[in-house]
Amino acid sequence: MEITSILKGDSLKRLLQGLALGVALTMIVGFNWGGWMLGSSSHELAQSTASAAVVKALVPICVAQFKQASDSPARLVELKKASSWDQSGYIEKGGWSAMPGSTTNVSGVAQACATALRDMT
């Protein structure tokens, strides 16, 4: 059986160079503009998206717990007077960022709750 001329000598070299260049360009385009990502990157994206969704779902509960306090108008004034980096601590100390039936705070809920309360009119 005879080997075709494209698979001999210089032709084979050019074929393999073209193949390598095609693979490299496909990977560059795919990862930069095609939306491809590594498994570790997709895992990090999924984790951050899930955390953001949890915080978004729990903030209304935190706000409602804050508003249910009998002295909530006075506490809201105190919250607004506190510096922005102390506001999440104020919410955590008050226990409003802990969900009903729990004593632990969910990461990020206190800051988002403080922001939501501060932005209320």
PDB file of N, CA and C in Angstrom:
ATOM      1  N   MET A   1       0.849  -1.163   0.000  1.00  0.00           N
ATOM      2  CA  MET A   1       0.000   0.000   0.000  1.00  0.00           C
ATOM      3  C   MET A   1       0.898   1.230   0.000  1.00  0.00           C
ATOM      4  N   GLU A   2       0.556   2.193  -0.811  1.00  0.00           N
ATOM      5  CA  GLU A   2       1.399   3.374  -0.946  1.00  0.00           C
ATOM      6  C   GLU A   2       0.837   4.522  -0.094  1.00  0.00           C
ATOM      7  N   ILE A   3       1.728   5.256   0.557  1.00  0.00           N
ATOM      8  CA  ILE A   3       1.355   6.406   1.389  1.00  0.00           C
ATOM      9  C   ILE A   3       1.201   7.623   0.477  1.00  0.00           C
ATOM     10  N   THR A   4       0.141   8.397   0.697  1.00  0.00           N
ATOM     11  CA  THR A   4      -0.093   9.580  -0.131  1.00  0.00           C
ATOM     12  C   THR A   4       1.016  10.598   0.088  1.00  0.00           C
ATOM     13  N   SER A   5       1.185  11.469  -0.863  1.00  0.00           N
ATOM     14  CA  SER A   5       2.285  12.431  -0.812  1.00  0.00           C
ATOM     15  C   SER A   5       2.136  13.448   0.315  1.00  0.00           C
ATOM     16  N   ILE A   6       0.916  13.717   0.754  1.00  0.00           N
ATOM     17  CA  ILE A   6       0.713  14.698   1.824  1.00  0.00           C
ATOM     18  C   ILE A   6       1.262  14.203   3.162  1.00  0.00           C
ATOM     19  N   LEU A   7       1.414  12.894   3.294  1.00  0.00           N
ATOM     20  CA  LEU A   7       1.918  12.336   4.545  1.00  0.00           C
ATOM     21  C   LEU A   7       3.418  12.040   4.492  1.00  0.00           C
ATOM     22  N   LYS A   8       4.102  12.554   3.475  1.00  0.00           N
ATOM     23  CA  LYS A   8       5.541  12.323   3.339  1.00  0.00           C
ATOM     24  C   LYS A   8       6.310  13.628   3.461  1.00  0.00           C
ATOM     25  N   GLY A   9       7.476  13.577   4.045  1.00  0.00           N
ATOM     26  CA  GLY A   9       8.449  14.665   4.056  1.00  0.00           C
ATOM     27  C   GLY A   9       7.916  16.014   4.483  1.00  0.00           C
ATOM     28  N   ASP A  10       8.174  17.032   3.637  1.00  0.00           N
ATOM     29  CA  ASP A  10       7.793  18.414   3.944  1.00  0.00           C
ATOM     30  C   ASP A  10       6.284  18.583   4.089  1.00  0.00           C
ATOM     31  N   SER A  11       5.529  17.840   3.313  1.00  0.00           N
ATOM     32  CA  SER A  11       4.065  17.938   3.391  1.00  0.00           C
ATOM     33  C   SER A  11       3.569  17.511   4.766  1.00  0.00           C
ATOM     34  N   LEU A  12       4.119  16.472   5.316  1.00  0.00           N
ATOM     35  CA  LEU A  12       3.731  16.013   6.651  1.00  0.00           C
ATOM     36  C   LEU A  12       4.064  17.067   7.695  1.00  0.00           C
ATOM     37  N   LYS A  13       5.224  17.677   7.552  1.00  0.00           N
ATOM     38  CA  LYS A  13       5.633  18.732   8.488  1.00  0.00           C
ATOM     39  C   LYS A  13       4.644  19.891   8.445  1.00  0.00           C
ATOM     40  N   ARG A  14       4.265  20.334   7.275  1.00  0.00           N
ATOM     41  CA  ARG A  14       3.306  21.439   7.131  1.00  0.00           C
ATOM     42  C   ARG A  14       1.922  21.051   7.667  1.00  0.00           C
ATOM     43  N   LEU A  15       1.520  19.825   7.439  1.00  0.00           N
ATOM     44  CA  LEU A  15       0.237  19.338   7.944  1.00  0.00           C
ATOM     45  C   LEU A  15       0.203  19.393   9.469  1.00  0.00           C
ATOM     46  N   LEU A  16       1.265  18.905  10.094  1.00  0.00           N
ATOM     47  CA  LEU A  16       1.321  18.907  11.567  1.00  0.00           C
ATOM     48  C   LEU A  16       1.420  20.325  12.119  1.00  0.00           C
ATOM     49  N   GLN A  17       2.145  21.212  11.433  1.00  0.00           N
ATOM     50  CA  GLN A  17       2.217  22.607  11.867  1.00  0.00           C
ATOM     51  C   GLN A  17       0.845  23.267  11.772  1.00  0.00           C
ATOM     52  N   GLY A  18       0.146  23.014  10.707  1.00  0.00           N
ATOM     53  CA  GLY A  18      -1.194  23.566  10.545  1.00  0.00           C
ATOM     54  C   GLY A  18      -2.153  23.046  11.597  1.00  0.00           C
ATOM     55  N   LEU A  19      -2.039  21.764  11.901  1.00  0.00           N
ATOM     56  CA  LEU A  19      -2.878  21.167  12.938  1.00  0.00           C
ATOM     57  C   LEU A  19      -2.598  21.807  14.297  1.00  0.00           C
ATOM     58  N   ALA A  20      -1.324  21.965  14.621  1.00  0.00           N
ATOM     59  CA  ALA A  20      -0.958  22.574  15.911  1.00  0.00           C
ATOM     60  C   ALA A  20      -1.446  24.020  15.988  1.00  0.00           C
ATOM     61  N   LEU A  21      -1.278  24.763  14.911  1.00  0.00           N
ATOM     62  CA  LEU A  21      -1.738  26.148  14.889  1.00  0.00           C
ATOM     63  C   LEU A  21      -3.258  26.222  15.027  1.00  0.00           C
ATOM     64  N   GLY A  22      -3.959  25.330  14.348  1.00  0.00           N
ATOM     65  CA  GLY A  22      -5.423  25.300  14.442  1.00  0.00           C
ATOM     66  C   GLY A  22      -5.909  24.994  15.844  1.00  0.00           C
ATOM     67  N   VAL A  23      -5.259  24.045  16.502  1.00  0.00           N
ATOM     68  CA  VAL A  23      -5.625  23.700  17.883  1.00  0.00           C
ATOM     69  C   VAL A  23      -5.365  24.884  18.810  1.00  0.00           C
ATOM     70  N   ALA A  24      -4.210  25.515  18.657  1.00  0.00           N
ATOM     71  CA  ALA A  24      -3.861  26.645  19.517  1.00  0.00           C
ATOM     72  C   ALA A  24      -4.839  27.803  19.328  1.00  0.00           C
ATOM     73  N   LEU A  25      -5.148  28.134  18.088  1.00  0.00           N
ATOM     74  CA  LEU A  25      -6.089  29.234  17.832  1.00  0.00           C
ATOM     75  C   LEU A  25      -7.492  28.905  18.344  1.00  0.00           C
ATOM     76  N   THR A  26      -7.911  27.660  18.186  1.00  0.00           N
ATOM     77  CA  THR A  26      -9.221  27.254  18.694  1.00  0.00           C
ATOM     78  C   THR A  26      -9.286  27.416  20.208  1.00  0.00           C
ATOM     79  N   MET A  27      -8.226  27.034  20.907  1.00  0.00           N
ATOM     80  CA  MET A  27      -8.207  27.157  22.365  1.00  0.00           C
ATOM     81  C   MET A  27      -8.184  28.627  22.788  1.00  0.00           C
ATOM     82  N   ILE A  28      -7.405  29.450  22.099  1.00  0.00           N
ATOM     83  CA  ILE A  28      -7.344  30.878  22.442  1.00  0.00           C
ATOM     84  C   ILE A  28      -8.704  31.524  22.263  1.00  0.00           C
ATOM     85  N   VAL A  29      -9.320  31.283  21.130  1.00  0.00           N
ATOM     86  CA  VAL A  29     -10.643  31.866  20.866  1.00  0.00           C
ATOM     87  C   VAL A  29     -11.674  31.309  21.846  1.00  0.00           C
ATOM     88  N   GLY A  30     -11.634  30.020  22.100  1.00  0.00           N
ATOM     89  CA  GLY A  30     -12.616  29.398  22.993  1.00  0.00           C
ATOM     90  C   GLY A  30     -12.548  29.908  24.416  1.00  0.00           C
ATOM     91  N   PHE A  31     -11.338  30.012  24.962  1.00  0.00           N
ATOM     92  CA  PHE A  31     -11.206  30.447  26.355  1.00  0.00           C
ATOM     93  C   PHE A  31     -11.387  31.954  26.515  1.00  0.00           C
ATOM     94  N   ASN A  32     -11.011  32.743  25.507  1.00  0.00           N
ATOM     95  CA  ASN A  32     -11.124  34.191  25.643  1.00  0.00           C
ATOM     96  C   ASN A  32     -12.497  34.728  25.254  1.00  0.00           C
ATOM     97  N   TRP A  33     -13.057  34.214  24.178  1.00  0.00           N
ATOM     98  CA  TRP A  33     -14.312  34.782  23.682  1.00  0.00           C
ATOM     99  C   TRP A  33     -15.439  33.775  23.586  1.00  0.00           C
ATOM    100  N   GLY A  34     -15.134  32.506  23.681  1.00  0.00           N
ATOM    101  CA  GLY A  34     -16.148  31.475  23.494  1.00  0.00           C
ATOM    102  C   GLY A  34     -16.863  31.059  24.759  1.00  0.00           C
ATOM    103  N   GLY A  35     -16.426  31.559  25.901  1.00  0.00           N
ATOM    104  CA  GLY A  35     -17.085  31.224  27.153  1.00  0.00           C
ATOM    105  C   GLY A  35     -16.602  29.933  27.791  1.00  0.00           C
ATOM    106  N   TRP A  36     -15.530  29.344  27.256  1.00  0.00           N
ATOM    107  CA  TRP A  36     -14.986  28.135  27.872  1.00  0.00           C
ATOM    108  C   TRP A  36     -14.322  28.506  29.184  1.00  0.00           C
ATOM    109  N   MET A  37     -14.331  27.587  30.142  1.00  0.00           N
ATOM    110  CA  MET A  37     -13.610  27.805  31.399  1.00  0.00           C
ATOM    111  C   MET A  37     -13.195  26.469  31.989  1.00  0.00           C
ATOM    112  N   LEU A  38     -12.221  26.540  32.865  1.00  0.00           N
ATOM    113  CA  LEU A  38     -11.739  25.340  33.542  1.00  0.00           C
ATOM    114  C   LEU A  38     -12.739  24.919  34.609  1.00  0.00           C
ATOM    115  N   GLY A  39     -12.657  23.691  35.035  1.00  0.00           N
ATOM    116  CA  GLY A  39     -13.552  23.191  36.072  1.00  0.00           C
ATOM    117  C   GLY A  39     -13.425  23.967  37.368  1.00  0.00           C
ATOM    118  N   SER A  40     -12.206  24.355  37.725  1.00  0.00           N
ATOM    119  CA  SER A  40     -12.008  25.104  38.972  1.00  0.00           C
ATOM    120  C   SER A  40     -12.658  26.486  38.889  1.00  0.00           C
ATOM    121  N   SER A  41     -12.587  27.106  37.728  1.00  0.00           N
ATOM    122  CA  SER A  41     -13.214  28.418  37.555  1.00  0.00           C
ATOM    123  C   SER A  41     -14.733  28.314  37.634  1.00  0.00           C
ATOM    124  N   SER A  42     -15.280  27.275  37.028  1.00  0.00           N
ATOM    125  CA  SER A  42     -16.734  27.115  37.076  1.00  0.00           C
ATOM    126  C   SER A  42     -17.201  26.790  38.495  1.00  0.00           C
ATOM    127  N   HIS A  43     -16.387  26.065  39.239  1.00  0.00           N
ATOM    128  CA  HIS A  43     -16.728  25.757  40.629  1.00  0.00           C
ATOM    129  C   HIS A  43     -16.751  27.038  41.463  1.00  0.00           C
ATOM    130  N   GLU A  44     -15.745  27.885  41.303  1.00  0.00           N
ATOM    131  CA  GLU A  44     -15.704  29.155  42.022  1.00  0.00           C
ATOM    132  C   GLU A  44     -16.897  30.035  41.652  1.00  0.00           C
ATOM    133  N   LEU A  45     -17.240  30.079  40.371  1.00  0.00           N
ATOM    134  CA  LEU A  45     -18.384  30.866  39.920  1.00  0.00           C
ATOM    135  C   LEU A  45     -19.683  30.347  40.524  1.00  0.00           C
ATOM    136  N   ALA A  46     -19.827  29.018  40.560  1.00  0.00           N
ATOM    137  CA  ALA A  46     -21.029  28.423  41.141  1.00  0.00           C
ATOM    138  C   ALA A  46     -21.129  28.720  42.638  1.00  0.00           C
ATOM    139  N   GLN A  47     -20.003  28.646  43.343  1.00  0.00           N
ATOM    140  CA  GLN A  47     -19.992  28.929  44.782  1.00  0.00           C
ATOM    141  C   GLN A  47     -20.383  30.376  45.059  1.00  0.00           C
ATOM    142  N   SER A  48     -19.805  31.313  44.325  1.00  0.00           N
ATOM    143  CA  SER A  48     -20.113  32.719  44.570  1.00  0.00           C
ATOM    144  C   SER A  48     -21.559  33.043  44.192  1.00  0.00           C
ATOM    145  N   THR A  49     -22.057  32.420  43.141  1.00  0.00           N
ATOM    146  CA  THR A  49     -23.447  32.635  42.745  1.00  0.00           C
ATOM    147  C   THR A  49     -24.400  32.086  43.801  1.00  0.00           C
ATOM    148  N   ALA A  50     -24.090  30.903  44.322  1.00  0.00           N
ATOM    149  CA  ALA A  50     -24.932  30.300  45.358  1.00  0.00           C
ATOM    150  C   ALA A  50     -24.912  31.139  46.631  1.00  0.00           C
ATOM    151  N   SER A  51     -23.737  31.622  47.018  1.00  0.00           N
ATOM    152  CA  SER A  51     -23.640  32.458  48.220  1.00  0.00           C
ATOM    153  C   SER A  51     -24.435  33.747  48.063  1.00  0.00           C
ATOM    154  N   ALA A  52     -24.329  34.362  46.896  1.00  0.00           N
ATOM    155  CA  ALA A  52     -25.081  35.594  46.640  1.00  0.00           C
ATOM    156  C   ALA A  52     -26.587  35.338  46.684  1.00  0.00           C
ATOM    157  N   ALA A  53     -27.014  34.192  46.171  1.00  0.00           N
ATOM    158  CA  ALA A  53     -28.440  33.862  46.185  1.00  0.00           C
ATOM    159  C   ALA A  53     -28.936  33.635  47.607  1.00  0.00           C
ATOM    160  N   VAL A  54     -28.130  32.989  48.427  1.00  0.00           N
ATOM    161  CA  VAL A  54     -28.516  32.758  49.828  1.00  0.00           C
ATOM    162  C   VAL A  54     -28.647  34.092  50.562  1.00  0.00           C
ATOM    163  N   VAL A  55     -27.672  34.962  50.377  1.00  0.00           N
ATOM    164  CA  VAL A  55     -27.721  36.273  51.032  1.00  0.00           C
ATOM    165  C   VAL A  55     -28.954  37.037  50.573  1.00  0.00           C
ATOM    166  N   LYS A  56     -29.209  37.025  49.282  1.00  0.00           N
ATOM    167  CA  LYS A  56     -30.365  37.747  48.736  1.00  0.00           C
ATOM    168  C   LYS A  56     -31.676  37.207  49.306  1.00  0.00           C
ATOM    169  N   ALA A  57     -31.743  35.904  49.527  1.00  0.00           N
ATOM    170  CA  ALA A  57     -32.960  35.309  50.069  1.00  0.00           C
ATOM    171  C   ALA A  57     -33.135  35.587  51.560  1.00  0.00           C
ATOM    172  N   LEU A  58     -32.029  35.732  52.294  1.00  0.00           N
ATOM    173  CA  LEU A  58     -32.122  35.902  53.742  1.00  0.00           C
ATOM    174  C   LEU A  58     -32.225  37.353  54.199  1.00  0.00           C
ATOM    175  N   VAL A  59     -31.856  38.301  53.355  1.00  0.00           N
ATOM    176  CA  VAL A  59     -31.907  39.709  53.754  1.00  0.00           C
ATOM    177  C   VAL A  59     -33.321  40.153  54.137  1.00  0.00           C
ATOM    178  N   PRO A  60     -34.365  39.805  53.372  1.00  0.00           N
ATOM    179  CA  PRO A  60     -35.708  40.224  53.799  1.00  0.00           C
ATOM    180  C   PRO A  60     -36.103  39.687  55.174  1.00  0.00           C
ATOM    181  N   ILE A  61     -35.628  38.501  55.532  1.00  0.00           N
ATOM    182  CA  ILE A  61     -35.916  37.952  56.860  1.00  0.00           C
ATOM    183  C   ILE A  61     -35.214  38.788  57.927  1.00  0.00           C
ATOM    184  N   CYS A  62     -33.966  39.159  57.668  1.00  0.00           N
ATOM    185  CA  CYS A  62     -33.214  39.992  58.604  1.00  0.00           C
ATOM    186  C   CYS A  62     -33.908  41.342  58.794  1.00  0.00           C
ATOM    187  N   VAL A  63     -34.323  41.946  57.691  1.00  0.00           N
ATOM    188  CA  VAL A  63     -35.003  43.245  57.763  1.00  0.00           C
ATOM    189  C   VAL A  63     -36.301  43.122  58.547  1.00  0.00           C
ATOM    190  N   ALA A  64     -37.059  42.058  58.289  1.00  0.00           N
ATOM    191  CA  ALA A  64     -38.320  41.853  59.013  1.00  0.00           C
ATOM    192  C   ALA A  64     -38.080  41.658  60.504  1.00  0.00           C
ATOM    193  N   GLN A  65     -37.035  40.904  60.876  1.00  0.00           N
ATOM    194  CA  GLN A  65     -36.718  40.709  62.293  1.00  0.00           C
ATOM    195  C   GLN A  65     -36.325  42.029  62.941  1.00  0.00           C
ATOM    196  N   PHE A  66     -35.595  42.862  62.222  1.00  0.00           N
ATOM    197  CA  PHE A  66     -35.204  44.169  62.744  1.00  0.00           C
ATOM    198  C   PHE A  66     -36.440  45.034  62.977  1.00  0.00           C
ATOM    199  N   LYS A  67     -37.347  45.026  62.004  1.00  0.00           N
ATOM    200  CA  LYS A  67     -38.554  45.874  62.105  1.00  0.00           C
ATOM    201  C   LYS A  67     -39.510  45.394  63.190  1.00  0.00           C
ATOM    202  N   GLN A  68     -39.465  44.102  63.544  1.00  0.00           N
ATOM    203  CA  GLN A  68     -40.369  43.571  64.557  1.00  0.00           C
ATOM    204  C   GLN A  68     -39.995  44.014  65.968  1.00  0.00           C
ATOM    205  N   ALA A  69     -38.779  44.470  66.151  1.00  0.00           N
ATOM    206  CA  ALA A  69     -38.368  44.940  67.477  1.00  0.00           C
ATOM    207  C   ALA A  69     -39.200  46.153  67.855  1.00  0.00           C
ATOM    208  N   SER A  70     -39.558  46.236  69.124  1.00  0.00           N
ATOM    209  CA  SER A  70     -40.425  47.331  69.569  1.00  0.00           C
ATOM    210  C   SER A  70     -39.750  48.691  69.442  1.00  0.00           C
ATOM    211  N   ASP A  71     -38.449  48.730  69.558  1.00  0.00           N
ATOM    212  CA  ASP A  71     -37.724  49.996  69.467  1.00  0.00           C
ATOM    213  C   ASP A  71     -36.985  50.146  68.130  1.00  0.00           C
ATOM    214  N   SER A  72     -37.553  49.572  67.086  1.00  0.00           N
ATOM    215  CA  SER A  72     -36.860  49.576  65.790  1.00  0.00           C
ATOM    216  C   SER A  72     -36.620  50.977  65.225  1.00  0.00           C
ATOM    217  N   PRO A  73     -37.526  51.964  65.397  1.00  0.00           N
ATOM    218  CA  PRO A  73     -37.203  53.295  64.868  1.00  0.00           C
ATOM    219  C   PRO A  73     -35.949  53.912  65.515  1.00  0.00           C
ATOM    220  N   ALA A  74     -35.823  53.730  66.822  1.00  0.00           N
ATOM    221  CA  ALA A  74     -34.643  54.261  67.508  1.00  0.00           C
ATOM    222  C   ALA A  74     -33.381  53.489  67.095  1.00  0.00           C
ATOM    223  N   ARG A  75     -33.508  52.203  66.946  1.00  0.00           N
ATOM    224  CA  ARG A  75     -32.361  51.393  66.529  1.00  0.00           C
ATOM    225  C   ARG A  75     -31.943  51.709  65.093  1.00  0.00           C
ATOM    226  N   LEU A  76     -32.919  52.044  64.242  1.00  0.00           N
ATOM    227  CA  LEU A  76     -32.595  52.422  62.871  1.00  0.00           C
ATOM    228  C   LEU A  76     -31.791  53.716  62.854  1.00  0.00           C
ATOM    229  N   VAL A  77     -32.133  54.637  63.731  1.00  0.00           N
ATOM    230  CA  VAL A  77     -31.364  55.881  63.845  1.00  0.00           C
ATOM    231  C   VAL A  77     -29.937  55.562  64.305  1.00  0.00           C
ATOM    232  N   GLU A  78     -29.809  54.672  65.274  1.00  0.00           N
ATOM    233  CA  GLU A  78     -28.479  54.265  65.749  1.00  0.00           C
ATOM    234  C   GLU A  78     -27.679  53.613  64.620  1.00  0.00           C
ATOM    235  N   LEU A  79     -28.352  52.755  63.854  1.00  0.00           N
ATOM    236  CA  LEU A  79     -27.679  52.077  62.751  1.00  0.00           C
ATOM    237  C   LEU A  79     -27.161  53.078  61.724  1.00  0.00           C
ATOM    238  N   LYS A  80     -27.973  54.055  61.394  1.00  0.00           N
ATOM    239  CA  LYS A  80     -27.572  55.048  60.397  1.00  0.00           C
ATOM    240  C   LYS A  80     -26.446  55.945  60.910  1.00  0.00           C
ATOM    241  N   LYS A  81     -26.373  56.138  62.227  1.00  0.00           N
ATOM    242  CA  LYS A  81     -25.297  56.947  62.800  1.00  0.00           C
ATOM    243  C   LYS A  81     -23.975  56.198  62.828  1.00  0.00           C
ATOM    244  N   ALA A  82     -24.040  54.879  62.893  1.00  0.00           N
ATOM    245  CA  ALA A  82     -22.813  54.059  62.954  1.00  0.00           C
ATOM    246  C   ALA A  82     -22.063  54.167  61.629  1.00  0.00           C
ATOM    247  N   SER A  83     -20.752  54.045  61.715  1.00  0.00           N
ATOM    248  CA  SER A  83     -19.950  54.072  60.486  1.00  0.00           C
ATOM    249  C   SER A  83     -20.272  52.829  59.651  1.00  0.00           C
ATOM    250  N   SER A  84     -20.049  52.929  58.352  1.00  0.00           N
ATOM    251  CA  SER A  84     -20.467  51.856  57.450  1.00  0.00           C
ATOM    252  C   SER A  84     -19.807  50.518  57.792  1.00  0.00           C
ATOM    253  N   TRP A  85     -18.568  50.531  58.277  1.00  0.00           N
ATOM    254  CA  TRP A  85     -17.908  49.259  58.597  1.00  0.00           C
ATOM    255  C   TRP A  85     -18.377  48.699  59.934  1.00  0.00           C
ATOM    256  N   ASP A  86     -19.047  49.495  60.769  1.00  0.00           N
ATOM    257  CA  ASP A  86     -19.571  49.004  62.043  1.00  0.00           C
ATOM    258  C   ASP A  86     -21.024  48.555  61.952  1.00  0.00           C
ATOM    259  N   GLN A  87     -21.683  48.881  60.857  1.00  0.00           N
ATOM    260  CA  GLN A  87     -23.113  48.583  60.750  1.00  0.00           C
ATOM    261  C   GLN A  87     -23.403  47.087  60.738  1.00  0.00           C
ATOM    262  N   SER A  88     -22.572  46.309  60.045  1.00  0.00           N
ATOM    263  CA  SER A  88     -22.827  44.863  60.025  1.00  0.00           C
ATOM    264  C   SER A  88     -22.632  44.271  61.428  1.00  0.00           C
ATOM    265  N   GLY A  89     -21.661  44.780  62.175  1.00  0.00           N
ATOM    266  CA  GLY A  89     -21.467  44.330  63.550  1.00  0.00           C
ATOM    267  C   GLY A  89     -22.654  44.669  64.432  1.00  0.00           C
ATOM    268  N   TYR A  90     -23.252  45.830  64.185  1.00  0.00           N
ATOM    269  CA  TYR A  90     -24.438  46.240  64.937  1.00  0.00           C
ATOM    270  C   TYR A  90     -25.591  45.264  64.676  1.00  0.00           C
ATOM    271  N   ILE A  91     -25.753  44.882  63.421  1.00  0.00           N
ATOM    272  CA  ILE A  91     -26.822  43.939  63.057  1.00  0.00           C
ATOM    273  C   ILE A  91     -26.546  42.572  63.675  1.00  0.00           C
ATOM    274  N   GLU A  92     -25.287  42.118  63.622  1.00  0.00           N
ATOM    275  CA  GLU A  92     -24.938  40.817  64.201  1.00  0.00           C
ATOM    276  C   GLU A  92     -25.141  40.811  65.711  1.00  0.00           C
ATOM    277  N   LYS A  93     -24.709  41.888  66.394  1.00  0.00           N
ATOM    278  CA  LYS A  93     -24.865  41.954  67.850  1.00  0.00           C
ATOM    279  C   LYS A  93     -26.331  41.947  68.252  1.00  0.00           C
ATOM    280  N   GLY A  94     -27.162  42.569  67.426  1.00  0.00           N
ATOM    281  CA  GLY A  94     -28.602  42.577  67.712  1.00  0.00           C
ATOM    282  C   GLY A  94     -29.259  41.229  67.460  1.00  0.00           C
ATOM    283  N   GLY A  95     -28.573  40.349  66.741  1.00  0.00           N
ATOM    284  CA  GLY A  95     -29.111  39.021  66.477  1.00  0.00           C
ATOM    285  C   GLY A  95     -30.073  38.960  65.312  1.00  0.00           C
ATOM    286  N   TRP A  96     -30.212  40.042  64.567  1.00  0.00           N
ATOM    287  CA  TRP A  96     -31.185  40.074  63.468  1.00  0.00           C
ATOM    288  C   TRP A  96     -30.703  39.301  62.241  1.00  0.00           C
ATOM    289  N   SER A  97     -29.398  39.123  62.093  1.00  0.00           N
ATOM    290  CA  SER A  97     -28.893  38.399  60.927  1.00  0.00           C
ATOM    291  C   SER A  97     -28.882  36.890  61.133  1.00  0.00           C
ATOM    292  N   ALA A  98     -29.145  36.431  62.358  1.00  0.00           N
ATOM    293  CA  ALA A  98     -29.286  34.992  62.613  1.00  0.00           C
ATOM    294  C   ALA A  98     -30.714  34.604  62.248  1.00  0.00           C
ATOM    295  N   MET A  99     -30.844  33.555  61.508  1.00  0.00           N
ATOM    296  CA  MET A  99     -32.163  33.141  61.050  1.00  0.00           C
ATOM    297  C   MET A  99     -32.937  32.478  62.180  1.00  0.00           C
ATOM    298  N   PRO A 100     -34.262  32.527  62.127  1.00  0.00           N
ATOM    299  CA  PRO A 100     -35.073  31.921  63.185  1.00  0.00           C
ATOM    300  C   PRO A 100     -34.687  30.459  63.416  1.00  0.00           C
ATOM    301  N   GLY A 101     -34.498  30.110  64.657  1.00  0.00           N
ATOM    302  CA  GLY A 101     -34.108  28.762  65.018  1.00  0.00           C
ATOM    303  C   GLY A 101     -32.606  28.532  65.004  1.00  0.00           C
ATOM    304  N   SER A 102     -31.844  29.573  64.716  1.00  0.00           N
ATOM    305  CA  SER A 102     -30.390  29.447  64.649  1.00  0.00           C
ATOM    306  C   SER A 102     -29.753  30.555  65.475  1.00  0.00           C
ATOM    307  N   THR A 103     -28.546  30.292  65.928  1.00  0.00           N
ATOM    308  CA  THR A 103     -27.820  31.329  66.673  1.00  0.00           C
ATOM    309  C   THR A 103     -26.610  31.830  65.896  1.00  0.00           C
ATOM    310  N   THR A 104     -26.359  31.243  64.737  1.00  0.00           N
ATOM    311  CA  THR A 104     -25.198  31.644  63.955  1.00  0.00           C
ATOM    312  C   THR A 104     -25.616  32.573  62.813  1.00  0.00           C
ATOM    313  N   ASN A 105     -24.703  33.476  62.482  1.00  0.00           N
ATOM    314  CA  ASN A 105     -24.946  34.414  61.400  1.00  0.00           C
ATOM    315  C   ASN A 105     -24.438  33.825  60.089  1.00  0.00           C
ATOM    316  N   VAL A 106     -25.177  34.062  59.026  1.00  0.00           N
ATOM    317  CA  VAL A 106     -24.750  33.626  57.702  1.00  0.00           C
ATOM    318  C   VAL A 106     -23.864  34.720  57.124  1.00  0.00           C
ATOM    319  N   SER A 107     -22.738  34.325  56.590  1.00  0.00           N
ATOM    320  CA  SER A 107     -21.771  35.282  56.062  1.00  0.00           C
ATOM    321  C   SER A 107     -22.399  36.182  54.997  1.00  0.00           C
ATOM    322  N   GLY A 108     -22.227  37.477  55.173  1.00  0.00           N
ATOM    323  CA  GLY A 108     -22.705  38.450  54.194  1.00  0.00           C
ATOM    324  C   GLY A 108     -24.094  38.983  54.456  1.00  0.00           C
ATOM    325  N   VAL A 109     -24.890  38.284  55.247  1.00  0.00           N
ATOM    326  CA  VAL A 109     -26.271  38.715  55.483  1.00  0.00           C
ATOM    327  C   VAL A 109     -26.298  40.001  56.296  1.00  0.00           C
ATOM    328  N   ALA A 110     -25.456  40.113  57.309  1.00  0.00           N
ATOM    329  CA  ALA A 110     -25.475  41.293  58.173  1.00  0.00           C
ATOM    330  C   ALA A 110     -25.163  42.560  57.377  1.00  0.00           C
ATOM    331  N   GLN A 111     -24.152  42.515  56.517  1.00  0.00           N
ATOM    332  CA  GLN A 111     -23.789  43.697  55.731  1.00  0.00           C
ATOM    333  C   GLN A 111     -24.893  44.055  54.747  1.00  0.00           C
ATOM    334  N   ALA A 112     -25.450  43.048  54.078  1.00  0.00           N
ATOM    335  CA  ALA A 112     -26.527  43.307  53.117  1.00  0.00           C
ATOM    336  C   ALA A 112     -27.783  43.811  53.832  1.00  0.00           C
ATOM    337  N   CYS A 113     -28.044  43.290  55.012  1.00  0.00           N
ATOM    338  CA  CYS A 113     -29.200  43.734  55.801  1.00  0.00           C
ATOM    339  C   CYS A 113     -29.008  45.180  56.253  1.00  0.00           C
ATOM    340  N   ALA A 114     -27.802  45.495  56.711  1.00  0.00           N
ATOM    341  CA  ALA A 114     -27.512  46.867  57.135  1.00  0.00           C
ATOM    342  C   ALA A 114     -27.666  47.831  55.966  1.00  0.00           C
ATOM    343  N   THR A 115     -27.214  47.436  54.800  1.00  0.00           N
ATOM    344  CA  THR A 115     -27.354  48.278  53.609  1.00  0.00           C
ATOM    345  C   THR A 115     -28.825  48.472  53.262  1.00  0.00           C
ATOM    346  N   ALA A 116     -29.599  47.398  53.326  1.00  0.00           N
ATOM    347  CA  ALA A 116     -31.023  47.499  53.012  1.00  0.00           C
ATOM    348  C   ALA A 116     -31.753  48.393  54.004  1.00  0.00           C
ATOM    349  N   LEU A 117     -31.417  48.260  55.280  1.00  0.00           N
ATOM    350  CA  LEU A 117     -32.053  49.097  56.302  1.00  0.00           C
ATOM    351  C   LEU A 117     -31.616  50.554  56.172  1.00  0.00           C
ATOM    352  N   ARG A 118     -30.364  50.767  55.886  1.00  0.00           N
ATOM    353  CA  ARG A 118     -29.845  52.134  55.751  1.00  0.00           C
ATOM    354  C   ARG A 118     -30.490  52.838  54.573  1.00  0.00           C
ATOM    355  N   ASP A 119     -30.744  52.094  53.497  1.00  0.00           N
ATOM    356  CA  ASP A 119     -31.310  52.691  52.295  1.00  0.00           C
ATOM    357  C   ASP A 119     -32.822  52.888  52.368  1.00  0.00           C
ATOM    358  N   MET A 120     -33.438  52.357  53.420  1.00  0.00           N
ATOM    359  CA  MET A 120     -34.889  52.534  53.580  1.00  0.00           C
ATOM    360  C   MET A 120     -35.189  53.981  53.926  1.00  0.00           C
ATOM    361  N   THR A 121     -36.320  54.433  53.499  1.00  0.00           N
ATOM    362  CA  THR A 121     -36.712  55.813  53.823  1.00  0.00           C
ATOM    363  C   THR A 121     -37.625  55.853  55.003  1.00  0.00           C
TER     364      THR A 121
END
